[in-house]
Every structure is written in C-alpha cells, then in structure tokens.
PDB file of all heavy atoms in Angstrom:
ATOM      1  N   PHE A   1       0.838  -1.192  -0.003  1.00  0.00           N
ATOM      2  CA  PHE A   1      -0.007  -0.025  -0.046  1.00  0.00           C
ATOM      3  C   PHE A   1       0.886   1.202  -0.040  1.00  0.00           C
ATOM      4  O   PHE A   1       2.096   1.167   0.228  1.00  0.00           O
ATOM      5  CB  PHE A   1      -0.903  -0.022   1.221  1.00  0.00           C
ATOM      6  CG  PHE A   1      -0.212   0.010   2.586  1.00  0.00           C
ATOM      7  CD1 PHE A   1      -0.005   1.201   3.215  1.00  0.00           C
ATOM      8  CD2 PHE A   1       0.093  -1.179   3.126  1.00  0.00           C
ATOM      9  CE1 PHE A   1       0.606   1.158   4.510  1.00  0.00           C
ATOM     10  CE2 PHE A   1       0.743  -1.183   4.400  1.00  0.00           C
ATOM     11  CZ  PHE A   1       1.016  -0.075   5.068  1.00  0.00           C
ATOM     12  N   ILE A   2       0.219   2.430  -0.181  1.00  0.00           N
ATOM     13  CA  ILE A   2       0.972   3.680  -0.054  1.00  0.00           C
ATOM     14  C   ILE A   2       0.246   4.561   0.980  1.00  0.00           C
ATOM     15  O   ILE A   2       0.876   5.511   1.419  1.00  0.00           O
ATOM     16  CB  ILE A   2       1.089   4.432  -1.383  1.00  0.00           C
ATOM     17  CG1 ILE A   2      -0.271   4.881  -1.972  1.00  0.00           C
ATOM     18  CG2 ILE A   2       1.983   3.690  -2.434  1.00  0.00           C
ATOM     19  CD1 ILE A   2      -0.194   5.834  -3.149  1.00  0.00           C
ATOM     20  N   ALA A   3      -1.040   4.203   1.390  1.00  0.00           N
ATOM     21  CA  ALA A   3      -1.749   4.986   2.318  1.00  0.00           C
ATOM     22  C   ALA A   3      -2.644   4.090   3.047  1.00  0.00           C
ATOM     23  O   ALA A   3      -2.989   3.017   2.614  1.00  0.00           O
ATOM     24  CB  ALA A   3      -2.559   6.142   1.678  1.00  0.00           C
ATOM     25  N   ARG A   4      -3.036   4.486   4.309  1.00  0.00           N
ATOM     26  CA  ARG A   4      -3.887   3.693   5.153  1.00  0.00           C
ATOM     27  C   ARG A   4      -5.409   4.127   5.037  1.00  0.00           C
ATOM     28  O   ARG A   4      -6.266   3.483   5.619  1.00  0.00           O
ATOM     29  CB  ARG A   4      -3.478   3.661   6.569  1.00  0.00           C
ATOM     30  CG  ARG A   4      -2.080   3.130   6.784  1.00  0.00           C
ATOM     31  CD  ARG A   4      -1.574   3.267   8.210  1.00  0.00           C
ATOM     32  NE  ARG A   4      -0.252   2.690   8.343  1.00  0.00           N
ATOM     33  CZ  ARG A   4       0.033   1.408   8.655  1.00  0.00           C
ATOM     34  NH1 ARG A   4      -1.074   0.601   8.877  1.00  0.00           N
ATOM     35  NH2 ARG A   4       1.220   0.988   8.822  1.00  0.00           N
ATOM     36  N   SER A   5      -5.639   5.234   4.292  1.00  0.00           N
ATOM     37  CA  SER A   5      -6.996   5.648   4.121  1.00  0.00           C
ATOM     38  C   SER A   5      -7.051   6.500   2.835  1.00  0.00           C
ATOM     39  O   SER A   5      -6.014   7.019   2.428  1.00  0.00           O
ATOM     40  CB  SER A   5      -7.469   6.529   5.387  1.00  0.00           C
ATOM     41  OG  SER A   5      -6.703   7.757   5.430  1.00  0.00           O
ATOM     42  N   CYS A   6      -8.293   6.709   2.380  1.00  0.00           N
ATOM     43  CA  CYS A   6      -8.415   7.732   1.208  1.00  0.00           C
ATOM     44  C   CYS A   6      -7.957   8.992   1.657  1.00  0.00           C
ATOM     45  O   CYS A   6      -7.270   9.756   0.750  1.00  0.00           O
ATOM     46  CB  CYS A   6      -9.923   7.671   0.767  1.00  0.00           C
ATOM     47  SG  CYS A   6     -10.618   6.080   0.416  1.00  0.00           S
ATOM     48  N   GLY A   7      -8.322   9.458   2.822  1.00  0.00           N
ATOM     49  CA  GLY A   7      -7.938  10.780   3.318  1.00  0.00           C
ATOM     50  C   GLY A   7      -6.433  10.923   3.511  1.00  0.00           C
ATOM     51  O   GLY A   7      -5.948  12.007   3.717  1.00  0.00           O
ATOM     52  N   GLY A   8      -5.731   9.855   3.553  1.00  0.00           N
ATOM     53  CA  GLY A   8      -4.262   9.884   3.694  1.00  0.00           C
ATOM     54  C   GLY A   8      -3.658  10.600   2.441  1.00  0.00           C
ATOM     55  O   GLY A   8      -2.516  11.212   2.581  1.00  0.00           O
ATOM     56  N   CYS A   9      -4.185  10.376   1.310  1.00  0.00           N
ATOM     57  CA  CYS A   9      -3.712  11.049   0.087  1.00  0.00           C
ATOM     58  C   CYS A   9      -4.503  12.341  -0.119  1.00  0.00           C
ATOM     59  O   CYS A   9      -3.796  13.381  -0.482  1.00  0.00           O
ATOM     60  CB  CYS A   9      -3.815  10.084  -1.123  1.00  0.00           C
ATOM     61  SG  CYS A   9      -2.856   8.674  -1.112  1.00  0.00           S
ATOM     62  N   HIS A  10      -5.753  12.248  -0.005  1.00  0.00           N
ATOM     63  CA  HIS A  10      -6.614  13.451  -0.271  1.00  0.00           C
ATOM     64  C   HIS A  10      -6.934  14.107   1.115  1.00  0.00           C
ATOM     65  O   HIS A  10      -8.072  14.013   1.610  1.00  0.00           O
ATOM     66  CB  HIS A  10      -7.900  13.002  -0.933  1.00  0.00           C
ATOM     67  CG  HIS A  10      -7.740  12.330  -2.218  1.00  0.00           C
ATOM     68  ND1 HIS A  10      -7.512  12.998  -3.426  1.00  0.00           N
ATOM     69  CD2 HIS A  10      -7.754  11.019  -2.535  1.00  0.00           C
ATOM     70  CE1 HIS A  10      -7.364  12.123  -4.377  1.00  0.00           C
ATOM     71  NE2 HIS A  10      -7.598  10.934  -3.925  1.00  0.00           N
ATOM     72  N   VAL A  11      -5.856  14.707   1.686  1.00  0.00           N
ATOM     73  CA  VAL A  11      -6.058  15.350   2.999  1.00  0.00           C
ATOM     74  C   VAL A  11      -7.083  16.412   2.958  1.00  0.00           C
ATOM     75  O   VAL A  11      -7.048  17.312   2.122  1.00  0.00           O
ATOM     76  CB  VAL A  11      -4.746  15.782   3.529  1.00  0.00           C
ATOM     77  CG1 VAL A  11      -4.808  16.431   4.861  1.00  0.00           C
ATOM     78  CG2 VAL A  11      -3.671  14.743   3.604  1.00  0.00           C
ATOM     79  N   GLN A  12      -8.041  16.269   3.912  1.00  0.00           N
ATOM     80  CA  GLN A  12      -9.148  17.252   3.934  1.00  0.00           C
ATOM     81  C   GLN A  12      -9.878  17.376   2.621  1.00  0.00           C
ATOM     82  O   GLN A  12     -10.334  18.406   2.148  1.00  0.00           O
ATOM     83  CB  GLN A  12      -8.617  18.706   4.356  1.00  0.00           C
ATOM     84  CG  GLN A  12      -8.127  18.753   5.729  1.00  0.00           C
ATOM     85  CD  GLN A  12      -9.189  18.433   6.806  1.00  0.00           C
ATOM     86  OE1 GLN A  12      -9.089  17.519   7.470  1.00  0.00           O
ATOM     87  NE2 GLN A  12     -10.128  19.298   6.947  1.00  0.00           N
ATOM     88  N   ASP A  13      -9.893  16.209   1.893  1.00  0.00           N
ATOM     89  CA  ASP A  13     -10.521  16.107   0.484  1.00  0.00           C
ATOM     90  C   ASP A  13      -9.802  17.020  -0.503  1.00  0.00           C
ATOM     91  O   ASP A  13     -10.350  17.361  -1.499  1.00  0.00           O
ATOM     92  CB  ASP A  13     -11.973  16.447   0.571  1.00  0.00           C
ATOM     93  CG  ASP A  13     -12.689  15.669   1.603  1.00  0.00           C
ATOM     94  OD1 ASP A  13     -12.838  14.518   1.517  1.00  0.00           O
ATOM     95  OD2 ASP A  13     -13.213  16.267   2.611  1.00  0.00           O
ATOM     96  N   GLY A  14      -8.565  17.344  -0.154  1.00  0.00           N
ATOM     97  CA  GLY A  14      -7.866  18.316  -1.010  1.00  0.00           C
ATOM     98  C   GLY A  14      -6.733  17.651  -1.777  1.00  0.00           C
ATOM     99  O   GLY A  14      -6.693  16.533  -2.073  1.00  0.00           O
ATOM    100  N   ARG A  15      -5.694  18.460  -2.084  1.00  0.00           N
ATOM    101  CA  ARG A  15      -4.627  18.176  -2.939  1.00  0.00           C
ATOM    102  C   ARG A  15      -3.413  17.796  -2.318  1.00  0.00           C
ATOM    103  O   ARG A  15      -2.909  18.382  -1.242  1.00  0.00           O
ATOM    104  CB  ARG A  15      -4.436  19.290  -3.877  1.00  0.00           C
ATOM    105  CG  ARG A  15      -3.366  19.126  -5.018  1.00  0.00           C
ATOM    106  CD  ARG A  15      -3.251  20.334  -5.840  1.00  0.00           C
ATOM    107  NE  ARG A  15      -2.142  20.182  -6.814  1.00  0.00           N
ATOM    108  CZ  ARG A  15      -2.247  19.617  -7.918  1.00  0.00           C
ATOM    109  NH1 ARG A  15      -3.502  19.093  -8.303  1.00  0.00           N
ATOM    110  NH2 ARG A  15      -1.263  19.437  -8.780  1.00  0.00           N
ATOM    111  N   GLY A  16      -2.702  16.679  -2.704  1.00  0.00           N
ATOM    112  CA  GLY A  16      -1.428  16.263  -2.217  1.00  0.00           C
ATOM    113  C   GLY A  16      -0.292  17.200  -2.716  1.00  0.00           C
ATOM    114  O   GLY A  16      -0.463  18.047  -3.541  1.00  0.00           O
ATOM    115  N   GLU A  17       0.822  16.972  -2.156  1.00  0.00           N
ATOM    116  CA  GLU A  17       2.087  17.661  -2.661  1.00  0.00           C
ATOM    117  C   GLU A  17       3.287  16.679  -2.523  1.00  0.00           C
ATOM    118  O   GLU A  17       3.198  15.633  -1.898  1.00  0.00           O
ATOM    119  CB  GLU A  17       2.338  18.814  -1.659  1.00  0.00           C
ATOM    120  CG  GLU A  17       2.742  18.443  -0.203  1.00  0.00           C
ATOM    121  CD  GLU A  17       3.029  19.696   0.675  1.00  0.00           C
ATOM    122  OE1 GLU A  17       3.743  20.595   0.133  1.00  0.00           O
ATOM    123  OE2 GLU A  17       2.621  19.698   1.854  1.00  0.00           O
ATOM    124  N   PRO A  18       4.286  17.004  -3.319  1.00  0.00           N
ATOM    125  CA  PRO A  18       5.367  16.054  -3.437  1.00  0.00           C
ATOM    126  C   PRO A  18       6.196  16.090  -2.158  1.00  0.00           C
ATOM    127  O   PRO A  18       6.092  17.074  -1.337  1.00  0.00           O
ATOM    128  CB  PRO A  18       6.281  16.573  -4.631  1.00  0.00           C
ATOM    129  CG  PRO A  18       5.788  17.981  -4.749  1.00  0.00           C
ATOM    130  CD  PRO A  18       4.353  18.118  -4.312  1.00  0.00           C
ATOM    131  N   PRO A  19       6.987  15.061  -1.817  1.00  0.00           N
ATOM    132  CA  PRO A  19       7.728  15.110  -0.614  1.00  0.00           C
ATOM    133  C   PRO A  19       8.721  16.277  -0.616  1.00  0.00           C
ATOM    134  O   PRO A  19       9.136  16.691  -1.656  1.00  0.00           O
ATOM    135  CB  PRO A  19       8.555  13.825  -0.657  1.00  0.00           C
ATOM    136  CG  PRO A  19       7.767  12.933  -1.547  1.00  0.00           C
ATOM    137  CD  PRO A  19       7.114  13.831  -2.629  1.00  0.00           C
ATOM    138  N   ALA A  20       9.042  16.755   0.597  1.00  0.00           N
ATOM    139  CA  ALA A  20       9.757  18.005   0.699  1.00  0.00           C
ATOM    140  C   ALA A  20      11.023  17.942   1.617  1.00  0.00           C
ATOM    141  O   ALA A  20      11.716  18.915   1.820  1.00  0.00           O
ATOM    142  CB  ALA A  20       8.866  19.061   1.195  1.00  0.00           C
ATOM    143  N   ILE A  21      11.290  16.720   2.159  1.00  0.00           N
ATOM    144  CA  ILE A  21      12.534  16.624   3.004  1.00  0.00           C
ATOM    145  C   ILE A  21      13.659  15.948   2.231  1.00  0.00           C
ATOM    146  O   ILE A  21      13.388  14.905   1.663  1.00  0.00           O
ATOM    147  CB  ILE A  21      12.156  15.712   4.225  1.00  0.00           C
ATOM    148  CG1 ILE A  21      11.019  16.345   5.050  1.00  0.00           C
ATOM    149  CG2 ILE A  21      13.397  15.564   5.109  1.00  0.00           C
ATOM    150  CD1 ILE A  21      10.565  15.505   6.249  1.00  0.00           C
ATOM    151  N   PHE A  22      14.801  16.700   2.254  1.00  0.00           N
ATOM    152  CA  PHE A  22      15.912  16.235   1.433  1.00  0.00           C
ATOM    153  C   PHE A  22      17.125  15.921   2.171  1.00  0.00           C
ATOM    154  O   PHE A  22      17.374  16.502   3.251  1.00  0.00           O
ATOM    155  CB  PHE A  22      16.224  17.410   0.401  1.00  0.00           C
ATOM    156  CG  PHE A  22      15.117  17.743  -0.585  1.00  0.00           C
ATOM    157  CD1 PHE A  22      14.254  18.678  -0.224  1.00  0.00           C
ATOM    158  CD2 PHE A  22      14.991  17.048  -1.766  1.00  0.00           C
ATOM    159  CE1 PHE A  22      13.147  18.988  -1.126  1.00  0.00           C
ATOM    160  CE2 PHE A  22      13.943  17.337  -2.534  1.00  0.00           C
ATOM    161  CZ  PHE A  22      13.093  18.304  -2.278  1.00  0.00           C
ATOM    162  N   ASN A  23      17.908  14.943   1.706  1.00  0.00           N
ATOM    163  CA  ASN A  23      19.185  14.714   2.373  1.00  0.00           C
ATOM    164  C   ASN A  23      20.320  15.521   1.582  1.00  0.00           C
ATOM    165  O   ASN A  23      20.010  16.302   0.783  1.00  0.00           O
ATOM    166  CB  ASN A  23      19.396  13.240   2.265  1.00  0.00           C
ATOM    167  CG  ASN A  23      19.570  12.617   0.880  1.00  0.00           C
ATOM    168  OD1 ASN A  23      19.837  13.353  -0.064  1.00  0.00           O
ATOM    169  ND2 ASN A  23      19.451  11.342   0.730  1.00  0.00           N
ATOM    170  N   ARG A  24      21.544  15.289   1.969  1.00  0.00           N
ATOM    171  CA  ARG A  24      22.556  16.127   1.469  1.00  0.00           C
ATOM    172  C   ARG A  24      22.818  15.892  -0.070  1.00  0.00           C
ATOM    173  O   ARG A  24      23.411  16.723  -0.752  1.00  0.00           O
ATOM    174  CB  ARG A  24      23.879  15.872   2.234  1.00  0.00           C
ATOM    175  CG  ARG A  24      24.335  14.406   2.105  1.00  0.00           C
ATOM    176  CD  ARG A  24      25.646  14.202   2.978  1.00  0.00           C
ATOM    177  NE  ARG A  24      26.014  12.805   2.917  1.00  0.00           N
ATOM    178  CZ  ARG A  24      26.822  12.255   1.899  1.00  0.00           C
ATOM    179  NH1 ARG A  24      27.203  13.114   0.916  1.00  0.00           N
ATOM    180  NH2 ARG A  24      27.184  11.015   1.937  1.00  0.00           N
ATOM    181  N   LEU A  25      22.310  14.817  -0.543  1.00  0.00           N
ATOM    182  CA  LEU A  25      22.421  14.530  -2.016  1.00  0.00           C
ATOM    183  C   LEU A  25      21.308  15.163  -2.796  1.00  0.00           C
ATOM    184  O   LEU A  25      21.192  15.025  -4.077  1.00  0.00           O
ATOM    185  CB  LEU A  25      22.536  13.042  -2.289  1.00  0.00           C
ATOM    186  CG  LEU A  25      23.736  12.333  -1.673  1.00  0.00           C
ATOM    187  CD1 LEU A  25      23.745  10.749  -1.877  1.00  0.00           C
ATOM    188  CD2 LEU A  25      25.037  12.915  -2.110  1.00  0.00           C
ATOM    189  N   GLY A  26      20.418  15.761  -2.160  1.00  0.00           N
ATOM    190  CA  GLY A  26      19.228  16.363  -2.894  1.00  0.00           C
ATOM    191  C   GLY A  26      18.101  15.372  -3.074  1.00  0.00           C
ATOM    192  O   GLY A  26      17.209  15.715  -3.894  1.00  0.00           O
ATOM    193  N   GLU A  27      18.163  14.189  -2.424  1.00  0.00           N
ATOM    194  CA  GLU A  27      17.134  13.195  -2.723  1.00  0.00           C
ATOM    195  C   GLU A  27      16.174  13.129  -1.459  1.00  0.00           C
ATOM    196  O   GLU A  27      16.681  13.215  -0.358  1.00  0.00           O
ATOM    197  CB  GLU A  27      17.731  11.820  -2.979  1.00  0.00           C
ATOM    198  CG  GLU A  27      18.537  11.760  -4.341  1.00  0.00           C
ATOM    199  CD  GLU A  27      19.105  10.437  -4.547  1.00  0.00           C
ATOM    200  OE1 GLU A  27      19.218   9.699  -3.536  1.00  0.00           O
ATOM    201  OE2 GLU A  27      19.493  10.098  -5.703  1.00  0.00           O
ATOM    202  N   THR A  28      14.943  12.984  -1.710  1.00  0.00           N
ATOM    203  CA  THR A  28      13.994  12.976  -0.604  1.00  0.00           C
ATOM    204  C   THR A  28      14.035  11.613   0.081  1.00  0.00           C
ATOM    205  O   THR A  28      14.117  10.617  -0.505  1.00  0.00           O
ATOM    206  CB  THR A  28      12.541  13.318  -1.074  1.00  0.00           C
ATOM    207  OG1 THR A  28      11.695  13.258   0.042  1.00  0.00           O
ATOM    208  CG2 THR A  28      12.008  12.328  -2.147  1.00  0.00           C
ATOM    209  N   LYS A  29      13.834  11.589   1.397  1.00  0.00           N
ATOM    210  CA  LYS A  29      13.617  10.412   2.143  1.00  0.00           C
ATOM    211  C   LYS A  29      12.214  10.245   2.590  1.00  0.00           C
ATOM    212  O   LYS A  29      11.793   9.322   3.400  1.00  0.00           O
ATOM    213  CB  LYS A  29      14.626  10.286   3.226  1.00  0.00           C
ATOM    214  CG  LYS A  29      16.042   9.972   2.865  1.00  0.00           C
ATOM    215  CD  LYS A  29      16.899   9.718   4.015  1.00  0.00           C
ATOM    216  CE  LYS A  29      18.304   9.212   3.625  1.00  0.00           C
ATOM    217  NZ  LYS A  29      19.182   8.940   4.731  1.00  0.00           N
ATOM    218  N   ASP A  30      11.360  11.267   2.308  1.00  0.00           N
ATOM    219  CA  ASP A  30       9.987  11.199   2.644  1.00  0.00           C
ATOM    220  C   ASP A  30       9.245  10.026   1.982  1.00  0.00           C
ATOM    221  O   ASP A  30       9.503   9.742   0.826  1.00  0.00           O
ATOM    222  CB  ASP A  30       9.307  12.551   2.220  1.00  0.00           C
ATOM    223  CG  ASP A  30       8.843  13.372   3.372  1.00  0.00           C
ATOM    224  OD1 ASP A  30       9.249  12.988   4.532  1.00  0.00           O
ATOM    225  OD2 ASP A  30       8.287  14.438   3.137  1.00  0.00           O
ATOM    226  N   PRO A  31       8.345   9.380   2.665  1.00  0.00           N
ATOM    227  CA  PRO A  31       7.558   8.376   1.978  1.00  0.00           C
ATOM    228  C   PRO A  31       6.618   9.016   1.082  1.00  0.00           C
ATOM    229  O   PRO A  31       6.166  10.048   1.295  1.00  0.00           O
ATOM    230  CB  PRO A  31       6.772   7.664   3.163  1.00  0.00           C
ATOM    231  CG  PRO A  31       6.822   8.750   4.296  1.00  0.00           C
ATOM    232  CD  PRO A  31       8.066   9.445   4.096  1.00  0.00           C
ATOM    233  N   THR A  32       6.408   8.317  -0.076  1.00  0.00           N
ATOM    234  CA  THR A  32       5.405   8.970  -1.068  1.00  0.00           C
ATOM    235  C   THR A  32       4.082   8.433  -0.715  1.00  0.00           C
ATOM    236  O   THR A  32       3.675   7.334  -0.814  1.00  0.00           O
ATOM    237  CB  THR A  32       5.761   8.425  -2.453  1.00  0.00           C
ATOM    238  OG1 THR A  32       5.795   6.994  -2.444  1.00  0.00           O
ATOM    239  CG2 THR A  32       7.108   8.982  -2.948  1.00  0.00           C
ATOM    240  N   VAL A  33       3.177   9.371  -0.213  1.00  0.00           N
ATOM    241  CA  VAL A  33       1.846   9.100   0.176  1.00  0.00           C
ATOM    242  C   VAL A  33       0.882   9.676  -0.911  1.00  0.00           C
ATOM    243  O   VAL A  33       0.214   8.994  -1.697  1.00  0.00           O
ATOM    244  CB  VAL A  33       1.577   9.558   1.570  1.00  0.00           C
ATOM    245  CG1 VAL A  33       0.047   9.271   1.910  1.00  0.00           C
ATOM    246  CG2 VAL A  33       2.353   8.848   2.576  1.00  0.00           C
ATOM    247  N   ALA A  34       0.951  11.053  -0.982  1.00  0.00           N
ATOM    248  CA  ALA A  34       0.075  11.715  -1.980  1.00  0.00           C
ATOM    249  C   ALA A  34       0.646  11.639  -3.384  1.00  0.00           C
ATOM    250  O   ALA A  34      -0.042  11.911  -4.254  1.00  0.00           O
ATOM    251  CB  ALA A  34      -0.103  13.093  -1.522  1.00  0.00           C
ATOM    252  N   LEU A  35       1.882  11.192  -3.499  1.00  0.00           N
ATOM    253  CA  LEU A  35       2.520  11.041  -4.789  1.00  0.00           C
ATOM    254  C   LEU A  35       2.621   9.538  -5.164  1.00  0.00           C
ATOM    255  O   LEU A  35       3.308   8.871  -4.320  1.00  0.00           O
ATOM    256  CB  LEU A  35       3.960  11.643  -4.795  1.00  0.00           C
ATOM    257  CG  LEU A  35       4.766  11.486  -6.106  1.00  0.00           C
ATOM    258  CD1 LEU A  35       4.203  12.255  -7.229  1.00  0.00           C
ATOM    259  CD2 LEU A  35       6.186  11.838  -5.799  1.00  0.00           C
ATOM    260  N   LEU A  36       1.977   9.081  -6.159  1.00  0.00           N
ATOM    261  CA  LEU A  36       2.127   7.667  -6.535  1.00  0.00           C
ATOM    262  C   LEU A  36       2.818   7.576  -7.905  1.00  0.00           C
ATOM    263  O   LEU A  36       2.799   8.548  -8.682  1.00  0.00           O
ATOM    264  CB  LEU A  36       0.725   6.953  -6.536  1.00  0.00           C
ATOM    265  CG  LEU A  36      -0.280   7.436  -7.584  1.00  0.00           C
ATOM    266  CD1 LEU A  36      -0.117   6.690  -8.888  1.00  0.00           C
ATOM    267  CD2 LEU A  36      -1.628   7.043  -7.035  1.00  0.00           C
ATOM    268  N   ILE A  37       3.333   6.483  -8.201  1.00  0.00           N
ATOM    269  CA  ILE A  37       4.115   6.249  -9.426  1.00  0.00           C
ATOM    270  C   ILE A  37       3.366   5.164 -10.270  1.00  0.00           C
ATOM    271  O   ILE A  37       3.348   4.032  -9.750  1.00  0.00           O
ATOM    272  CB  ILE A  37       5.521   5.977  -9.282  1.00  0.00           C
ATOM    273  CG1 ILE A  37       6.287   6.939  -8.360  1.00  0.00           C
ATOM    274  CG2 ILE A  37       6.284   5.908 -10.626  1.00  0.00           C
ATOM    275  CD1 ILE A  37       6.408   8.396  -8.913  1.00  0.00           C
ATOM    276  N   ARG A  38       2.878   5.442 -11.392  1.00  0.00           N
ATOM    277  CA  ARG A  38       2.272   4.413 -12.227  1.00  0.00           C
ATOM    278  C   ARG A  38       3.409   3.763 -13.069  1.00  0.00           C
ATOM    279  O   ARG A  38       4.392   4.400 -13.403  1.00  0.00           O
ATOM    280  CB  ARG A  38       1.303   5.054 -13.274  1.00  0.00           C
ATOM    281  CG  ARG A  38       0.095   5.736 -12.703  1.00  0.00           C
ATOM    282  CD  ARG A  38      -0.946   4.729 -12.380  1.00  0.00           C
ATOM    283  NE  ARG A  38      -2.220   5.355 -11.875  1.00  0.00           N
ATOM    284  CZ  ARG A  38      -2.930   4.886 -10.961  1.00  0.00           C
ATOM    285  NH1 ARG A  38      -2.624   3.774 -10.399  1.00  0.00           N
ATOM    286  NH2 ARG A  38      -4.086   5.569 -10.554  1.00  0.00           N
TER     287      ARG A  38
END
C-alpha cells in the first residue's frame, strides 16, 4: 500500500504535494503518500 485511508492522500478532501524533506544529495527520504508512481 501507499496509504492507510483515502484521506491519507486526499487530506481534507484536498490536494497532495510532493515530498519535501531532502538529504545532502538532494534526494527525498519522505515516504510517497500523496505522490504515486504508475
């Protein structure tokens, strides 16, 4: 899975955002919840 509820992606029935926490190499370590990859 990527989320435990519909509201986990659509927070407040709204819009997700990409992960925003970066390491020193510029890569995110945030889990992708609102961002999925087909």
